[in-house]
Amino acid sequence: MGLASLLNALDWDHLRAEVERESRARIVLIGARGAGKSTLLQWLNGLIPPETCPTDTRGEAPPVMNLGLFTVIDVETPKPSDPMNPSDALRFELENADLVVWVLDGAVGVRGWEHEWIGRVRALGKPILIALNKLDAPSASVNLEGWRRRLGCSVIAITARTGANVLEDLLPRIADTSPQLATALGREIAQWRKPAAARVMRRAEMLSGLAGLEPVPLLDIPFQIFLQLQMVLRIAAIYGQPLNDRYSREMIATMVGSVVLRYAGQQLVKVIPLAGWLASGALAASGTWIIGQLAIEYFENGRRGLLDPKGFRKPFGSAEDHNE
C-alpha cells in the first residue's frame, strides 16, 4: 500500500514531459559540402544498406535541412568573419542544438575558413565533436591527436560510406558528450536501441547507488523510485512505446515491486555504519539494474511477457490482466 501511494503521489506528467523533451533533442551535422554529412545521415537512418551508400554529390541542396533529430547544414562561405544575422536559419539551428557534429573531409583536410568556422561554433558554447570522415580515402590523415590539438575538440575518425566506427565510436562519444541524447538517439536509430537503453540503465544504476548511500533509513526510497521510473520511461521512449495510461502505471508498479524485498533489506543494513551504507548503495544499484533489465526485455519483446516478483513469466496485456 505504501508503494502504491508513493507511485500515485508522483508527478507523472512532469516525468513524461521531461522524457518527451529529451526525445525531441536536436543534433546539427555541419560542414563543407561534400564532407559526407548526408551519407552519414543515410547510414544512421538505415535508408540504404551501408555497402551501397553513395559518396556525396555536389548538386543543389538547401543549405539548412531540418530532418527531426538531425539538422544538416552546408557551410561554403570562405568568409566566416561576416556576422551571422540573428534571424538566419543557420544561427537558429546552431543556437538551439543540443550537440554540434562538424563533419570534416579527411581526404581534403581542414581548410583555413573551416578552422575559423569551427571556432565560431565553439564560441556559441555548444558541445561540439569533429567527425573526421573518409578514412578509406588514400590521402586521409588519421593522426587523431594532431587533429585534436589543432582544432581543440574531440575528433572521431569514421567512414560514413561504410559505417566504419559510427556505431562503435561516434554514437558512444555523442552519448558521452551529451548523456541526455541517448534517449533520442536510441529512438531514432533502431540498430542502436539496445546500447542506448543500456546506457540509460547504467546512468540510473549509478545515481540510485549514490542515493542508496544516504545513511538515514527510508529517506532515499522516494529518490530511488523517481530515478527508476525515469529510467523505465526513457527506455520506453527509446523503443517508441509511450507510457501514458493506467495500465502502463501498473506495469511500472510491477517492475518496481519486483525489488521490494531489496528495498527492505537495503533499509535494514543502514543501521550498520559505513559497511551498511556501502551495502545499501550496492543494493540500490542492483535493484535498479533488475528493473532496467526487465524493462529492456519487456520492450525488446514488443511489450509481451514480464517476470513478476515471484520469478515466473506472466503475459502482460492478456485478457486476464485487463479483467482484473
C-alpha atoms as a PDB file:
ATOM      1  CA  MET A   1       0.000   0.000   0.000  1.00  0.00           C
ATOM      2  CA  GLY A   2       2.871   2.365   0.813  1.00  0.00           C
ATOM      3  CA  LEU A   3       4.481   1.686  -2.576  1.00  0.00           C
ATOM      4  CA  ALA A   4       1.171   2.255  -4.382  1.00  0.00           C
ATOM      5  CA  SER A   5       0.611   5.534  -2.543  1.00  0.00           C
ATOM      6  CA  LEU A   6       4.111   6.697  -3.380  1.00  0.00           C
ATOM      7  CA  LEU A   7       3.660   5.868  -7.065  1.00  0.00           C
ATOM      8  CA  ASN A   8       0.316   7.686  -7.188  1.00  0.00           C
ATOM      9  CA  ALA A   9       1.811  10.735  -5.477  1.00  0.00           C
ATOM     10  CA  LEU A  10       4.487  11.184  -8.120  1.00  0.00           C
ATOM     11  CA  ASP A  11       4.076  13.866 -10.766  1.00  0.00           C
ATOM     12  CA  TRP A  12       3.710  11.564 -13.762  1.00  0.00           C
ATOM     13  CA  ASP A  13       3.013  14.424 -16.154  1.00  0.00           C
ATOM     14  CA  HIS A  14       6.298  16.100 -15.189  1.00  0.00           C
ATOM     15  CA  LEU A  15       8.198  12.824 -15.605  1.00  0.00           C
ATOM     16  CA  ARG A  16       6.706  12.211 -19.041  1.00  0.00           C
ATOM     17  CA  ALA A  17       7.283  15.833 -20.101  1.00  0.00           C
ATOM     18  CA  GLU A  18      10.964  15.592 -19.189  1.00  0.00           C
ATOM     19  CA  VAL A  19      11.438  12.372 -21.136  1.00  0.00           C
ATOM     20  CA  GLU A  20       9.481  13.798 -24.075  1.00  0.00           C
ATOM     21  CA  ARG A  21      11.767  16.847 -24.093  1.00  0.00           C
ATOM     22  CA  GLU A  22      14.807  14.551 -24.257  1.00  0.00           C
ATOM     23  CA  SER A  23      13.177  12.683 -27.133  1.00  0.00           C
ATOM     24  CA  ARG A  24      12.931  15.944 -29.082  1.00  0.00           C
ATOM     25  CA  ALA A  25      16.671  16.675 -28.858  1.00  0.00           C
ATOM     26  CA  ARG A  26      18.469  18.204 -31.820  1.00  0.00           C
ATOM     27  CA  ILE A  27      21.846  17.313 -33.316  1.00  0.00           C
ATOM     28  CA  VAL A  28      23.359  19.514 -36.018  1.00  0.00           C
ATOM     29  CA  LEU A  29      25.553  17.870 -38.664  1.00  0.00           C
ATOM     30  CA  ILE A  30      27.527  20.749 -40.173  1.00  0.00           C
ATOM     31  CA  GLY A  31      30.454  21.027 -42.540  1.00  0.00           C
ATOM     32  CA  ALA A  32      31.547  21.808 -46.072  1.00  0.00           C
ATOM     33  CA  ARG A  33      29.536  20.418 -48.953  1.00  0.00           C
ATOM     34  CA  GLY A  34      30.883  17.010 -49.950  1.00  0.00           C
ATOM     35  CA  ALA A  35      32.268  16.199 -46.487  1.00  0.00           C
ATOM     36  CA  GLY A  36      29.837  13.289 -46.040  1.00  0.00           C
ATOM     37  CA  LYS A  37      27.017  14.653 -43.875  1.00  0.00           C
ATOM     38  CA  SER A  38      24.171  13.264 -45.983  1.00  0.00           C
ATOM     39  CA  THR A  39      25.898   9.893 -46.381  1.00  0.00           C
ATOM     40  CA  LEU A  40      26.376   9.676 -42.612  1.00  0.00           C
ATOM     41  CA  LEU A  41      22.729  10.533 -42.026  1.00  0.00           C
ATOM     42  CA  GLN A  42      21.558   7.974 -44.583  1.00  0.00           C
ATOM     43  CA  TRP A  43      23.658   5.289 -42.930  1.00  0.00           C
ATOM     44  CA  LEU A  44      22.366   6.194 -39.460  1.00  0.00           C
ATOM     45  CA  ASN A  45      18.759   6.128 -40.580  1.00  0.00           C
ATOM     46  CA  GLY A  46      19.183   2.840 -42.437  1.00  0.00           C
ATOM     47  CA  LEU A  47      17.683   4.327 -45.583  1.00  0.00           C
ATOM     48  CA  ILE A  48      20.121   2.379 -47.740  1.00  0.00           C
ATOM     49  CA  PRO A  49      22.456  -0.532 -46.959  1.00  0.00           C
ATOM     50  CA  PRO A  50      25.916   0.610 -45.805  1.00  0.00           C
ATOM     51  CA  GLU A  51      27.729  -1.102 -48.667  1.00  0.00           C
ATOM     52  CA  THR A  52      25.686   0.846 -51.236  1.00  0.00           C
ATOM     53  CA  CYS A  53      25.912   4.293 -49.603  1.00  0.00           C
ATOM     54  CA  PRO A  54      26.872   6.777 -52.307  1.00  0.00           C
ATOM     55  CA  THR A  55      29.550   9.378 -51.871  1.00  0.00           C
ATOM     56  CA  ASP A  56      28.342  12.954 -51.519  1.00  0.00           C
ATOM     57  CA  THR A  57      27.336  14.740 -54.657  1.00  0.00           C
ATOM     58  CA  ARG A  58      27.693  18.439 -55.171  1.00  0.00           C
ATOM     59  CA  GLY A  59      24.252  19.032 -56.577  1.00  0.00           C
ATOM     60  CA  GLU A  60      21.939  21.755 -55.419  1.00  0.00           C
ATOM     61  CA  ALA A  61      20.503  21.276 -51.921  1.00  0.00           C
ATOM     62  CA  PRO A  62      19.090  23.610 -49.271  1.00  0.00           C
ATOM     63  CA  PRO A  63      21.919  24.948 -47.058  1.00  0.00           C
ATOM     64  CA  VAL A  64      19.881  24.088 -43.931  1.00  0.00           C
ATOM     65  CA  MET A  65      17.726  20.935 -43.815  1.00  0.00           C
ATOM     66  CA  ASN A  66      15.805  20.195 -40.612  1.00  0.00           C
ATOM     67  CA  LEU A  67      15.160  16.452 -40.503  1.00  0.00           C
ATOM     68  CA  GLY A  68      13.860  15.852 -36.979  1.00  0.00           C
ATOM     69  CA  LEU A  69      16.599  14.762 -34.610  1.00  0.00           C
ATOM     70  CA  PHE A  70      19.250  15.760 -37.149  1.00  0.00           C
ATOM     71  CA  THR A  71      19.698  19.061 -38.956  1.00  0.00           C
ATOM     72  CA  VAL A  72      22.140  19.108 -41.879  1.00  0.00           C
ATOM     73  CA  ILE A  73      23.924  22.393 -42.606  1.00  0.00           C
ATOM     74  CA  ASP A  74      26.195  23.083 -45.574  1.00  0.00           C
ATOM     75  CA  VAL A  75      28.812  25.766 -44.955  1.00  0.00           C
ATOM     76  CA  GLU A  76      30.529  27.024 -48.074  1.00  0.00           C
ATOM     77  CA  THR A  77      31.431  30.616 -47.387  1.00  0.00           C
ATOM     78  CA  PRO A  78      35.163  31.368 -47.156  1.00  0.00           C
ATOM     79  CA  LYS A  79      34.327  34.473 -45.084  1.00  0.00           C
ATOM     80  CA  PRO A  80      33.325  33.266 -41.611  1.00  0.00           C
ATOM     81  CA  SER A  81      34.220  36.684 -40.232  1.00  0.00           C
ATOM     82  CA  ASP A  82      30.983  38.035 -41.722  1.00  0.00           C
ATOM     83  CA  PRO A  83      28.491  38.279 -38.845  1.00  0.00           C
ATOM     84  CA  MET A  84      25.569  35.864 -38.765  1.00  0.00           C
ATOM     85  CA  ASN A  85      22.167  37.510 -38.843  1.00  0.00           C
ATOM     86  CA  PRO A  86      20.197  36.590 -35.674  1.00  0.00           C
ATOM     87  CA  SER A  87      17.252  35.692 -37.921  1.00  0.00           C
ATOM     88  CA  ASP A  88      19.289  33.310 -40.092  1.00  0.00           C
ATOM     89  CA  ALA A  89      18.142  29.693 -40.097  1.00  0.00           C
ATOM     90  CA  LEU A  90      21.763  28.605 -39.673  1.00  0.00           C
ATOM     91  CA  ARG A  91      22.225  30.595 -36.486  1.00  0.00           C
ATOM     92  CA  PHE A  92      18.832  29.494 -35.151  1.00  0.00           C
ATOM     93  CA  GLU A  93      19.676  25.810 -35.631  1.00  0.00           C
ATOM     94  CA  LEU A  94      23.106  26.165 -34.021  1.00  0.00           C
ATOM     95  CA  GLU A  95      21.790  28.063 -31.004  1.00  0.00           C
ATOM     96  CA  ASN A  96      19.015  25.508 -30.431  1.00  0.00           C
ATOM     97  CA  ALA A  97      21.175  22.418 -30.916  1.00  0.00           C
ATOM     98  CA  ASP A  98      21.936  20.050 -28.048  1.00  0.00           C
ATOM     99  CA  LEU A  99      25.110  18.961 -29.834  1.00  0.00           C
ATOM    100  CA  VAL A 100      27.018  20.042 -32.951  1.00  0.00           C
ATOM    101  CA  VAL A 101      28.892  17.438 -35.019  1.00  0.00           C
ATOM    102  CA  TRP A 102      31.248  19.014 -37.560  1.00  0.00           C
ATOM    103  CA  VAL A 103      31.822  16.534 -40.391  1.00  0.00           C
ATOM    104  CA  LEU A 104      35.303  17.083 -41.803  1.00  0.00           C
ATOM    105  CA  ASP A 105      36.554  15.633 -45.088  1.00  0.00           C
ATOM    106  CA  GLY A 106      39.624  13.647 -44.049  1.00  0.00           C
ATOM    107  CA  ALA A 107      40.751  13.360 -47.666  1.00  0.00           C
ATOM    108  CA  VAL A 108      40.926  17.165 -48.022  1.00  0.00           C
ATOM    109  CA  GLY A 109      41.957  18.195 -44.539  1.00  0.00           C
ATOM    110  CA  VAL A 110      40.878  21.282 -42.666  1.00  0.00           C
ATOM    111  CA  ARG A 111      40.909  24.474 -44.675  1.00  0.00           C
ATOM    112  CA  GLY A 112      41.541  27.836 -43.086  1.00  0.00           C
ATOM    113  CA  TRP A 113      37.975  29.037 -43.397  1.00  0.00           C
ATOM    114  CA  GLU A 114      36.694  25.745 -41.903  1.00  0.00           C
ATOM    115  CA  HIS A 115      39.034  26.186 -38.943  1.00  0.00           C
ATOM    116  CA  GLU A 116      37.575  29.655 -38.390  1.00  0.00           C
ATOM    117  CA  TRP A 117      34.031  28.328 -38.682  1.00  0.00           C
ATOM    118  CA  ILE A 118      34.714  25.623 -36.090  1.00  0.00           C
ATOM    119  CA  GLY A 119      35.984  28.361 -33.796  1.00  0.00           C
ATOM    120  CA  ARG A 120      32.778  30.328 -34.300  1.00  0.00           C
ATOM    121  CA  VAL A 121      30.641  27.301 -33.450  1.00  0.00           C
ATOM    122  CA  ARG A 122      32.709  26.646 -30.318  1.00  0.00           C
ATOM    123  CA  ALA A 123      32.188  30.299 -29.311  1.00  0.00           C
ATOM    124  CA  LEU A 124      28.426  29.644 -29.142  1.00  0.00           C
ATOM    125  CA  GLY A 125      29.094  27.464 -26.107  1.00  0.00           C
ATOM    126  CA  LYS A 126      27.538  24.323 -27.592  1.00  0.00           C
ATOM    127  CA  PRO A 127      29.102  20.868 -27.157  1.00  0.00           C
ATOM    128  CA  ILE A 128      30.913  20.037 -30.387  1.00  0.00           C
ATOM    129  CA  LEU A 129      32.525  16.910 -31.837  1.00  0.00           C
ATOM    130  CA  ILE A 130      34.553  16.540 -35.013  1.00  0.00           C
ATOM    131  CA  ALA A 131      33.734  13.531 -37.208  1.00  0.00           C
ATOM    132  CA  LEU A 132      36.789  13.029 -39.415  1.00  0.00           C
ATOM    133  CA  ASN A 133      35.213  11.290 -42.405  1.00  0.00           C
ATOM    134  CA  LYS A 134      36.525   9.270 -45.394  1.00  0.00           C
ATOM    135  CA  LEU A 135      39.123   7.188 -43.584  1.00  0.00           C
ATOM    136  CA  ASP A 136      39.164   4.882 -46.606  1.00  0.00           C
ATOM    137  CA  ALA A 137      40.484   7.637 -48.890  1.00  0.00           C
ATOM    138  CA  PRO A 138      44.168   7.142 -49.834  1.00  0.00           C
ATOM    139  CA  SER A 139      45.034  10.700 -48.800  1.00  0.00           C
ATOM    140  CA  ALA A 140      43.154  10.608 -45.488  1.00  0.00           C
ATOM    141  CA  SER A 141      45.078  11.584 -42.358  1.00  0.00           C
ATOM    142  CA  VAL A 142      44.377   9.603 -39.167  1.00  0.00           C
ATOM    143  CA  ASN A 143      46.650  11.475 -36.775  1.00  0.00           C
ATOM    144  CA  LEU A 144      43.806  11.992 -34.312  1.00  0.00           C
ATOM    145  CA  GLU A 145      45.944  13.518 -31.578  1.00  0.00           C
ATOM    146  CA  GLY A 146      47.276  16.098 -34.026  1.00  0.00           C
ATOM    147  CA  TRP A 147      43.757  16.903 -35.172  1.00  0.00           C
ATOM    148  CA  ARG A 148      42.576  17.265 -31.554  1.00  0.00           C
ATOM    149  CA  ARG A 149      45.379  19.672 -30.709  1.00  0.00           C
ATOM    150  CA  ARG A 150      44.802  21.703 -33.842  1.00  0.00           C
ATOM    151  CA  LEU A 151      41.012  22.001 -33.529  1.00  0.00           C
ATOM    152  CA  GLY A 152      40.624  21.959 -29.736  1.00  0.00           C
ATOM    153  CA  CYS A 153      37.782  19.409 -29.951  1.00  0.00           C
ATOM    154  CA  SER A 154      37.237  15.692 -29.634  1.00  0.00           C
ATOM    155  CA  VAL A 155      37.878  14.026 -33.007  1.00  0.00           C
ATOM    156  CA  ILE A 156      36.380  10.680 -34.050  1.00  0.00           C
ATOM    157  CA  ALA A 157      37.609   9.043 -37.252  1.00  0.00           C
ATOM    158  CA  ILE A 158      34.833   7.414 -39.326  1.00  0.00           C
ATOM    159  CA  THR A 159      33.914   6.305 -42.835  1.00  0.00           C
ATOM    160  CA  ALA A 160      30.281   7.266 -43.378  1.00  0.00           C
ATOM    161  CA  ARG A 161      30.087   5.364 -46.691  1.00  0.00           C
ATOM    162  CA  THR A 162      30.607   2.004 -44.976  1.00  0.00           C
ATOM    163  CA  GLY A 163      29.567   2.909 -41.432  1.00  0.00           C
ATOM    164  CA  ALA A 164      33.055   2.179 -40.068  1.00  0.00           C
ATOM    165  CA  ASN A 165      33.430   3.422 -36.474  1.00  0.00           C
ATOM    166  CA  VAL A 166      29.984   5.053 -36.491  1.00  0.00           C
ATOM    167  CA  LEU A 167      28.216   2.684 -34.098  1.00  0.00           C
ATOM    168  CA  GLU A 168      31.407   1.719 -32.270  1.00  0.00           C
ATOM    169  CA  ASP A 169      32.904   5.184 -31.709  1.00  0.00           C
ATOM    170  CA  LEU A 170      30.817   8.121 -32.913  1.00  0.00           C
ATOM    171  CA  LEU A 171      27.458   7.344 -31.271  1.00  0.00           C
ATOM    172  CA  PRO A 172      29.001   6.385 -27.897  1.00  0.00           C
ATOM    173  CA  ARG A 173      31.032   9.605 -27.941  1.00  0.00           C
ATOM    174  CA  ILE A 174      27.891  11.620 -28.710  1.00  0.00           C
ATOM    175  CA  ALA A 175      26.130   9.994 -25.748  1.00  0.00           C
ATOM    176  CA  ASP A 176      29.170  10.589 -23.522  1.00  0.00           C
ATOM    177  CA  THR A 177      29.322  14.256 -24.501  1.00  0.00           C
ATOM    178  CA  SER A 178      25.572  14.853 -24.009  1.00  0.00           C
ATOM    179  CA  PRO A 179      24.049  11.997 -21.940  1.00  0.00           C
ATOM    180  CA  GLN A 180      20.515  13.333 -22.461  1.00  0.00           C
ATOM    181  CA  LEU A 181      20.857  12.469 -26.162  1.00  0.00           C
ATOM    182  CA  ALA A 182      20.847   8.709 -25.516  1.00  0.00           C
ATOM    183  CA  THR A 183      17.035   8.623 -25.488  1.00  0.00           C
ATOM    184  CA  ALA A 184      16.644  10.459 -28.800  1.00  0.00           C
ATOM    185  CA  LEU A 185      19.468   8.533 -30.487  1.00  0.00           C
ATOM    186  CA  GLY A 186      18.039   5.179 -29.421  1.00  0.00           C
ATOM    187  CA  ARG A 187      14.566   6.101 -30.631  1.00  0.00           C
ATOM    188  CA  GLU A 188      15.836   7.400 -33.984  1.00  0.00           C
ATOM    189  CA  ILE A 189      18.469   4.743 -34.773  1.00  0.00           C
ATOM    190  CA  ALA A 190      16.965   1.275 -34.452  1.00  0.00           C
ATOM    191  CA  GLN A 191      20.285  -0.555 -34.564  1.00  0.00           C
ATOM    192  CA  TRP A 192      21.489   1.420 -31.538  1.00  0.00           C
ATOM    193  CA  ARG A 193      18.398   0.967 -29.345  1.00  0.00           C
ATOM    194  CA  LYS A 194      19.769  -1.677 -27.051  1.00  0.00           C
ATOM    195  CA  PRO A 195      23.096   0.130 -26.389  1.00  0.00           C
ATOM    196  CA  ALA A 196      21.147   3.347 -25.747  1.00  0.00           C
ATOM    197  CA  ALA A 197      18.832   1.568 -23.295  1.00  0.00           C
ATOM    198  CA  ALA A 198      21.839   0.024 -21.562  1.00  0.00           C
ATOM    199  CA  ARG A 199      23.396   3.482 -21.173  1.00  0.00           C
ATOM    200  CA  VAL A 200      20.184   4.853 -19.670  1.00  0.00           C
ATOM    201  CA  MET A 201      20.098   1.901 -17.287  1.00  0.00           C
ATOM    202  CA  ARG A 202      23.745   2.313 -16.202  1.00  0.00           C
ATOM    203  CA  ARG A 203      23.252   6.004 -15.504  1.00  0.00           C
ATOM    204  CA  ALA A 204      20.166   5.335 -13.362  1.00  0.00           C
ATOM    205  CA  GLU A 205      22.012   2.488 -11.653  1.00  0.00           C
ATOM    206  CA  MET A 206      24.876   4.805 -10.678  1.00  0.00           C
ATOM    207  CA  LEU A 207      22.562   7.566  -9.412  1.00  0.00           C
ATOM    208  CA  SER A 208      20.466   5.053  -7.439  1.00  0.00           C
ATOM    209  CA  GLY A 209      23.623   3.660  -5.869  1.00  0.00           C
ATOM    210  CA  LEU A 210      24.653   7.153  -4.786  1.00  0.00           C
ATOM    211  CA  ALA A 211      21.187   7.795  -3.353  1.00  0.00           C
ATOM    212  CA  GLY A 212      21.349   4.469  -1.500  1.00  0.00           C
ATOM    213  CA  LEU A 213      24.475   5.624   0.345  1.00  0.00           C
ATOM    214  CA  GLU A 214      22.283   8.028   2.317  1.00  0.00           C
ATOM    215  CA  PRO A 215      22.562   6.780   5.961  1.00  0.00           C
ATOM    216  CA  VAL A 216      19.051   7.689   7.182  1.00  0.00           C
ATOM    217  CA  PRO A 217      16.617   4.761   6.620  1.00  0.00           C
ATOM    218  CA  LEU A 218      13.666   5.342   4.247  1.00  0.00           C
ATOM    219  CA  LEU A 219      14.839   8.808   3.207  1.00  0.00           C
ATOM    220  CA  ASP A 220      16.324   7.585  -0.088  1.00  0.00           C
ATOM    221  CA  ILE A 221      13.416   5.405  -1.261  1.00  0.00           C
ATOM    222  CA  PRO A 222      11.429   8.212  -2.979  1.00  0.00           C
ATOM    223  CA  PHE A 223      14.580   9.302  -4.843  1.00  0.00           C
ATOM    224  CA  GLN A 224      15.305   5.738  -5.947  1.00  0.00           C
ATOM    225  CA  ILE A 225      11.773   5.167  -7.198  1.00  0.00           C
ATOM    226  CA  PHE A 226      11.846   8.503  -9.037  1.00  0.00           C
ATOM    227  CA  LEU A 227      15.113   7.539 -10.762  1.00  0.00           C
ATOM    228  CA  GLN A 228      13.796   4.081 -11.614  1.00  0.00           C
ATOM    229  CA  LEU A 229      10.581   5.461 -13.099  1.00  0.00           C
ATOM    230  CA  GLN A 230      12.582   7.951 -15.159  1.00  0.00           C
ATOM    231  CA  MET A 231      14.707   5.068 -16.400  1.00  0.00           C
ATOM    232  CA  VAL A 232      11.701   2.963 -17.448  1.00  0.00           C
ATOM    233  CA  LEU A 233      10.067   5.936 -19.192  1.00  0.00           C
ATOM    234  CA  ARG A 234      13.297   6.638 -21.087  1.00  0.00           C
ATOM    235  CA  ILE A 235      13.656   3.005 -22.135  1.00  0.00           C
ATOM    236  CA  ALA A 236      10.015   3.039 -23.266  1.00  0.00           C
ATOM    237  CA  ALA A 237      10.679   6.189 -25.330  1.00  0.00           C
ATOM    238  CA  ILE A 238      13.752   4.563 -26.915  1.00  0.00           C
ATOM    239  CA  TYR A 239      11.562   1.701 -28.106  1.00  0.00           C
ATOM    240  CA  GLY A 240       8.839   4.091 -29.285  1.00  0.00           C
ATOM    241  CA  GLN A 241       6.394   2.995 -26.578  1.00  0.00           C
ATOM    242  CA  PRO A 242       4.909   5.994 -24.701  1.00  0.00           C
ATOM    243  CA  LEU A 243       3.683   5.139 -21.204  1.00  0.00           C
ATOM    244  CA  ASN A 244       0.706   7.391 -20.590  1.00  0.00           C
ATOM    245  CA  ASP A 245      -2.171   5.230 -19.389  1.00  0.00           C
ATOM    246  CA  ARG A 246      -3.253   3.452 -16.192  1.00  0.00           C
ATOM    247  CA  TYR A 247      -2.148   0.075 -17.499  1.00  0.00           C
ATOM    248  CA  SER A 248       1.353   1.419 -18.041  1.00  0.00           C
ATOM    249  CA  ARG A 249       1.474   2.583 -14.428  1.00  0.00           C
ATOM    250  CA  GLU A 250       0.502  -0.902 -13.305  1.00  0.00           C
ATOM    251  CA  MET A 251       3.294  -2.357 -15.449  1.00  0.00           C
ATOM    252  CA  ILE A 252       5.843   0.003 -13.884  1.00  0.00           C
ATOM    253  CA  ALA A 253       4.484  -0.767 -10.410  1.00  0.00           C
ATOM    254  CA  THR A 254       5.067  -4.479 -11.108  1.00  0.00           C
ATOM    255  CA  MET A 255       8.670  -3.764 -12.092  1.00  0.00           C
ATOM    256  CA  VAL A 256       9.316  -1.640  -9.006  1.00  0.00           C
ATOM    257  CA  GLY A 257       7.503  -4.169  -6.837  1.00  0.00           C
ATOM    258  CA  SER A 258       9.826  -6.896  -8.107  1.00  0.00           C
ATOM    259  CA  VAL A 259      12.623  -5.434  -5.938  1.00  0.00           C
ATOM    260  CA  VAL A 260      10.532  -4.565  -2.885  1.00  0.00           C
ATOM    261  CA  LEU A 261      12.459  -7.071  -0.747  1.00  0.00           C
ATOM    262  CA  ARG A 262      15.680  -5.351  -1.766  1.00  0.00           C
ATOM    263  CA  TYR A 263      14.243  -2.059  -0.550  1.00  0.00           C
ATOM    264  CA  ALA A 264      13.557  -3.665   2.820  1.00  0.00           C
ATOM    265  CA  GLY A 265      16.996  -5.277   3.074  1.00  0.00           C
ATOM    266  CA  GLN A 266      18.667  -2.080   1.975  1.00  0.00           C
ATOM    267  CA  GLN A 267      16.995  -0.070   4.736  1.00  0.00           C
ATOM    268  CA  LEU A 268      17.888  -2.659   7.388  1.00  0.00           C
ATOM    269  CA  VAL A 269      21.612  -2.645   6.611  1.00  0.00           C
ATOM    270  CA  LYS A 270      21.735   1.141   7.087  1.00  0.00           C
ATOM    271  CA  VAL A 271      21.903   0.593  10.852  1.00  0.00           C
ATOM    272  CA  ILE A 272      25.493  -0.632  10.360  1.00  0.00           C
ATOM    273  CA  PRO A 273      27.742   2.423   9.903  1.00  0.00           C
ATOM    274  CA  LEU A 274      29.946   2.632   6.809  1.00  0.00           C
ATOM    275  CA  ALA A 275      29.792  -1.025   5.740  1.00  0.00           C
ATOM    276  CA  GLY A 276      25.985  -0.971   5.920  1.00  0.00           C
ATOM    277  CA  TRP A 277      25.793   2.284   3.974  1.00  0.00           C
ATOM    278  CA  LEU A 278      28.023   0.845   1.249  1.00  0.00           C
ATOM    279  CA  ALA A 279      25.891  -2.312   1.152  1.00  0.00           C
ATOM    280  CA  SER A 280      22.787  -0.134   0.905  1.00  0.00           C
ATOM    281  CA  GLY A 281      24.238   1.664  -2.121  1.00  0.00           C
ATOM    282  CA  ALA A 282      25.085  -1.661  -3.772  1.00  0.00           C
ATOM    283  CA  LEU A 283      21.562  -2.996  -3.156  1.00  0.00           C
ATOM    284  CA  ALA A 284      20.021   0.188  -4.559  1.00  0.00           C
ATOM    285  CA  ALA A 285      22.138  -0.057  -7.714  1.00  0.00           C
ATOM    286  CA  SER A 286      21.391  -3.769  -8.200  1.00  0.00           C
ATOM    287  CA  GLY A 287      17.658  -3.191  -7.723  1.00  0.00           C
ATOM    288  CA  THR A 288      17.729  -0.532 -10.427  1.00  0.00           C
ATOM    289  CA  TRP A 289      19.686  -2.910 -12.681  1.00  0.00           C
ATOM    290  CA  ILE A 290      16.966  -5.575 -12.241  1.00  0.00           C
ATOM    291  CA  ILE A 291      14.206  -3.114 -13.157  1.00  0.00           C
ATOM    292  CA  GLY A 292      16.203  -1.908 -16.154  1.00  0.00           C
ATOM    293  CA  GLN A 293      16.743  -5.456 -17.421  1.00  0.00           C
ATOM    294  CA  LEU A 294      13.030  -6.204 -17.034  1.00  0.00           C
ATOM    295  CA  ALA A 295      12.126  -3.047 -18.949  1.00  0.00           C
ATOM    296  CA  ILE A 296      14.556  -3.778 -21.790  1.00  0.00           C
ATOM    297  CA  GLU A 297      13.324  -7.376 -22.074  1.00  0.00           C
ATOM    298  CA  TYR A 298       9.707  -6.215 -21.998  1.00  0.00           C
ATOM    299  CA  PHE A 299      10.107  -3.664 -24.804  1.00  0.00           C
ATOM    300  CA  GLU A 300      12.524  -5.832 -26.816  1.00  0.00           C
ATOM    301  CA  ASN A 301       9.713  -8.416 -26.907  1.00  0.00           C
ATOM    302  CA  GLY A 302       7.159  -5.871 -28.095  1.00  0.00           C
ATOM    303  CA  ARG A 303       5.541  -5.353 -24.679  1.00  0.00           C
ATOM    304  CA  ARG A 304       4.969  -9.088 -24.274  1.00  0.00           C
ATOM    305  CA  GLY A 305       5.976 -11.018 -21.177  1.00  0.00           C
ATOM    306  CA  LEU A 306       7.323  -9.779 -17.870  1.00  0.00           C
ATOM    307  CA  LEU A 307       8.891 -11.550 -14.940  1.00  0.00           C
ATOM    308  CA  ASP A 308       6.678 -10.992 -11.929  1.00  0.00           C
ATOM    309  CA  PRO A 309       8.099 -10.689  -8.367  1.00  0.00           C
ATOM    310  CA  LYS A 310       7.841 -14.461  -7.805  1.00  0.00           C
ATOM    311  CA  GLY A 311      10.048 -15.198 -10.788  1.00  0.00           C
ATOM    312  CA  PHE A 312       7.596 -16.803 -13.230  1.00  0.00           C
ATOM    313  CA  ARG A 313       6.609 -15.336 -16.588  1.00  0.00           C
ATOM    314  CA  LYS A 314       3.253 -13.614 -16.658  1.00  0.00           C
ATOM    315  CA  PRO A 315       1.854 -12.415 -20.004  1.00  0.00           C
ATOM    316  CA  PHE A 316       1.123  -8.723 -19.765  1.00  0.00           C
ATOM    317  CA  GLY A 317      -1.692  -7.481 -21.930  1.00  0.00           C
ATOM    318  CA  SER A 318      -3.721 -10.690 -21.638  1.00  0.00           C
ATOM    319  CA  ALA A 319      -7.499 -10.613 -21.210  1.00  0.00           C
ATOM    320  CA  GLU A 320      -6.952 -11.882 -17.647  1.00  0.00           C
ATOM    321  CA  ASP A 321      -4.967  -8.813 -16.720  1.00  0.00           C
ATOM    322  CA  HIS A 322      -7.456  -6.382 -18.195  1.00  0.00           C
ATOM    323  CA  ASN A 323     -10.357  -8.118 -16.470  1.00  0.00           C
ATOM    324  CA  GLU A 324      -8.568  -7.696 -13.143  1.00  0.00           C
END
